[in-house]
Amino acid sequence: MTASPRWRKLLRASLLVLAVGGVLLVVPLPLVPASVLTYRQALVVFGIVVALGKLLYDTLFYDHYWP
């Protein structure tokens, strides 16, 4: 059984979101206090969760009835 193109797109987009989020978490910011870094980490993780949720929602509830 092969995966449908929708699931392959979901996997590819999920890997891209995780890779970009990982880079944003690892890349150091110059001259930034440590307190700002915790907010940056929280915002990046929140963005990753929202992006993955949207990707999953769009995959599961895509429009079946295109004219």
N, C-alpha and C. Protein backbone atom coordinates (compact mmCIF):
# COMPACT_ATOMS: atom_id res chain seq x y z
N MET A 1 0.84 -1.17 0.00
CA MET A 1 0.00 0.00 0.00
C MET A 1 0.90 1.24 0.00
N THR A 2 0.61 2.19 -0.87
CA THR A 2 1.41 3.40 -0.95
C THR A 2 0.67 4.55 -0.26
N ALA A 3 1.46 5.49 0.20
CA ALA A 3 0.87 6.66 0.86
C ALA A 3 0.31 7.61 -0.19
N SER A 4 -0.78 8.25 0.14
CA SER A 4 -1.37 9.19 -0.79
C SER A 4 -0.51 10.46 -0.84
N PRO A 5 -0.66 11.24 -1.91
CA PRO A 5 0.14 12.46 -2.02
C PRO A 5 -0.12 13.45 -0.87
N ARG A 6 -1.33 13.43 -0.32
CA ARG A 6 -1.62 14.34 0.80
C ARG A 6 -0.74 14.02 2.00
N TRP A 7 -0.54 12.74 2.30
CA TRP A 7 0.26 12.36 3.46
C TRP A 7 1.74 12.63 3.21
N ARG A 8 2.18 12.47 1.95
CA ARG A 8 3.57 12.80 1.64
C ARG A 8 3.81 14.29 1.79
N LYS A 9 2.84 15.10 1.35
CA LYS A 9 2.97 16.55 1.51
C LYS A 9 2.99 16.93 2.99
N LEU A 10 2.15 16.25 3.79
CA LEU A 10 2.13 16.51 5.22
C LEU A 10 3.48 16.18 5.84
N LEU A 11 4.04 15.04 5.49
CA LEU A 11 5.34 14.64 6.04
C LEU A 11 6.43 15.61 5.63
N ARG A 12 6.45 16.00 4.37
CA ARG A 12 7.46 16.94 3.88
C ARG A 12 7.33 18.30 4.58
N ALA A 13 6.12 18.81 4.69
CA ALA A 13 5.91 20.10 5.32
C ALA A 13 6.22 20.03 6.82
N SER A 14 5.88 18.92 7.47
CA SER A 14 6.17 18.76 8.90
C SER A 14 7.68 18.75 9.15
N LEU A 15 8.40 18.04 8.30
CA LEU A 15 9.86 18.02 8.44
C LEU A 15 10.45 19.40 8.21
N LEU A 16 9.89 20.15 7.27
CA LEU A 16 10.37 21.52 7.03
C LEU A 16 10.10 22.41 8.24
N VAL A 17 8.90 22.32 8.80
CA VAL A 17 8.56 23.13 9.98
C VAL A 17 9.49 22.78 11.15
N LEU A 18 9.72 21.49 11.38
CA LEU A 18 10.59 21.07 12.47
C LEU A 18 12.04 21.51 12.24
N ALA A 19 12.49 21.45 11.00
CA ALA A 19 13.86 21.87 10.70
C ALA A 19 14.04 23.37 10.91
N VAL A 20 13.09 24.16 10.43
CA VAL A 20 13.18 25.61 10.61
C VAL A 20 13.08 25.96 12.09
N GLY A 21 12.19 25.30 12.81
CA GLY A 21 12.08 25.54 14.25
C GLY A 21 13.35 25.17 14.99
N GLY A 22 13.96 24.05 14.61
CA GLY A 22 15.22 23.65 15.23
C GLY A 22 16.32 24.66 14.97
N VAL A 23 16.37 25.17 13.76
CA VAL A 23 17.39 26.19 13.44
C VAL A 23 17.14 27.45 14.25
N LEU A 24 15.88 27.86 14.35
CA LEU A 24 15.57 29.06 15.13
C LEU A 24 15.90 28.90 16.61
N LEU A 25 15.80 27.69 17.13
CA LEU A 25 16.13 27.45 18.53
C LEU A 25 17.64 27.41 18.76
N VAL A 26 18.40 26.97 17.76
CA VAL A 26 19.83 26.75 17.95
C VAL A 26 20.67 27.98 17.61
N VAL A 27 20.25 28.76 16.63
CA VAL A 27 21.04 29.91 16.18
C VAL A 27 21.12 30.93 17.30
N PRO A 28 22.34 31.31 17.68
CA PRO A 28 22.48 32.29 18.76
C PRO A 28 22.15 33.71 18.29
N LEU A 29 21.55 34.47 19.17
CA LEU A 29 21.28 35.87 18.89
C LEU A 29 22.35 36.72 19.57
N PRO A 30 23.01 37.59 18.83
CA PRO A 30 24.07 38.40 19.44
C PRO A 30 23.51 39.49 20.35
N LEU A 31 24.18 39.70 21.46
CA LEU A 31 23.87 40.80 22.39
C LEU A 31 22.42 40.79 22.87
N VAL A 32 21.92 39.62 23.19
CA VAL A 32 20.56 39.49 23.69
C VAL A 32 20.62 38.94 25.11
N PRO A 33 19.93 39.58 26.06
CA PRO A 33 19.95 39.07 27.42
C PRO A 33 19.29 37.68 27.53
N ALA A 34 19.65 36.96 28.56
CA ALA A 34 19.17 35.59 28.73
C ALA A 34 17.65 35.54 28.93
N SER A 35 17.06 36.56 29.52
CA SER A 35 15.61 36.55 29.75
C SER A 35 14.84 36.58 28.44
N VAL A 36 15.38 37.20 27.43
CA VAL A 36 14.71 37.25 26.13
C VAL A 36 14.76 35.89 25.46
N LEU A 37 15.82 35.12 25.71
CA LEU A 37 15.96 33.82 25.08
C LEU A 37 14.85 32.86 25.50
N THR A 38 14.40 32.94 26.74
CA THR A 38 13.31 32.06 27.16
C THR A 38 12.02 32.41 26.42
N TYR A 39 11.78 33.69 26.18
CA TYR A 39 10.61 34.09 25.41
C TYR A 39 10.74 33.64 23.96
N ARG A 40 11.94 33.72 23.43
CA ARG A 40 12.15 33.28 22.05
C ARG A 40 11.86 31.79 21.93
N GLN A 41 12.35 31.01 22.88
CA GLN A 41 12.11 29.57 22.84
C GLN A 41 10.62 29.27 22.94
N ALA A 42 9.93 29.96 23.81
CA ALA A 42 8.49 29.74 23.95
C ALA A 42 7.75 30.10 22.67
N LEU A 43 8.12 31.21 22.05
CA LEU A 43 7.46 31.62 20.81
C LEU A 43 7.75 30.65 19.66
N VAL A 44 8.97 30.17 19.58
CA VAL A 44 9.31 29.22 18.51
C VAL A 44 8.55 27.92 18.70
N VAL A 45 8.50 27.40 19.91
CA VAL A 45 7.79 26.15 20.16
C VAL A 45 6.29 26.35 19.91
N PHE A 46 5.74 27.47 20.32
CA PHE A 46 4.33 27.76 20.06
C PHE A 46 4.07 27.81 18.55
N GLY A 47 4.95 28.45 17.81
CA GLY A 47 4.80 28.52 16.36
C GLY A 47 4.87 27.15 15.71
N ILE A 48 5.77 26.29 16.21
CA ILE A 48 5.88 24.94 15.67
C ILE A 48 4.59 24.16 15.92
N VAL A 49 4.07 24.25 17.13
CA VAL A 49 2.84 23.52 17.47
C VAL A 49 1.67 24.01 16.62
N VAL A 50 1.55 25.32 16.44
CA VAL A 50 0.46 25.87 15.63
C VAL A 50 0.62 25.44 14.17
N ALA A 51 1.83 25.51 13.64
CA ALA A 51 2.05 25.15 12.23
C ALA A 51 1.76 23.66 12.00
N LEU A 52 2.22 22.80 12.91
CA LEU A 52 1.95 21.37 12.75
C LEU A 52 0.47 21.07 12.88
N GLY A 53 -0.21 21.75 13.78
CA GLY A 53 -1.65 21.57 13.93
C GLY A 53 -2.41 22.00 12.69
N LYS A 54 -2.02 23.11 12.09
CA LYS A 54 -2.67 23.57 10.87
C LYS A 54 -2.41 22.59 9.72
N LEU A 55 -1.19 22.11 9.62
CA LEU A 55 -0.89 21.14 8.57
C LEU A 55 -1.73 19.87 8.72
N LEU A 56 -1.85 19.38 9.94
CA LEU A 56 -2.63 18.18 10.18
C LEU A 56 -4.12 18.42 9.91
N TYR A 57 -4.62 19.55 10.35
CA TYR A 57 -6.02 19.90 10.11
C TYR A 57 -6.31 19.99 8.62
N ASP A 58 -5.44 20.69 7.88
CA ASP A 58 -5.64 20.82 6.44
C ASP A 58 -5.54 19.48 5.73
N THR A 59 -4.74 18.57 6.25
CA THR A 59 -4.62 17.25 5.63
C THR A 59 -5.85 16.40 5.89
N LEU A 60 -6.34 16.42 7.11
CA LEU A 60 -7.48 15.57 7.45
C LEU A 60 -8.81 16.10 6.92
N PHE A 61 -8.94 17.42 6.84
CA PHE A 61 -10.20 18.02 6.45
C PHE A 61 -10.07 18.80 5.15
N TYR A 62 -9.38 18.22 4.16
CA TYR A 62 -9.26 18.90 2.88
C TYR A 62 -10.61 18.86 2.17
N ASP A 63 -10.75 19.77 1.22
CA ASP A 63 -12.03 19.91 0.51
C ASP A 63 -12.18 18.78 -0.50
N HIS A 64 -13.11 17.87 -0.25
CA HIS A 64 -13.34 16.74 -1.15
C HIS A 64 -14.09 17.13 -2.41
N TYR A 65 -14.87 18.17 -2.31
CA TYR A 65 -15.88 18.45 -3.35
C TYR A 65 -15.50 19.67 -4.17
N TRP A 66 -14.43 19.57 -4.90
CA TRP A 66 -14.06 20.66 -5.80
C TRP A 66 -14.90 20.53 -7.06
N PRO A 67 -15.41 21.65 -7.56
CA PRO A 67 -16.26 21.59 -8.78
C PRO A 67 -15.45 21.23 -10.03
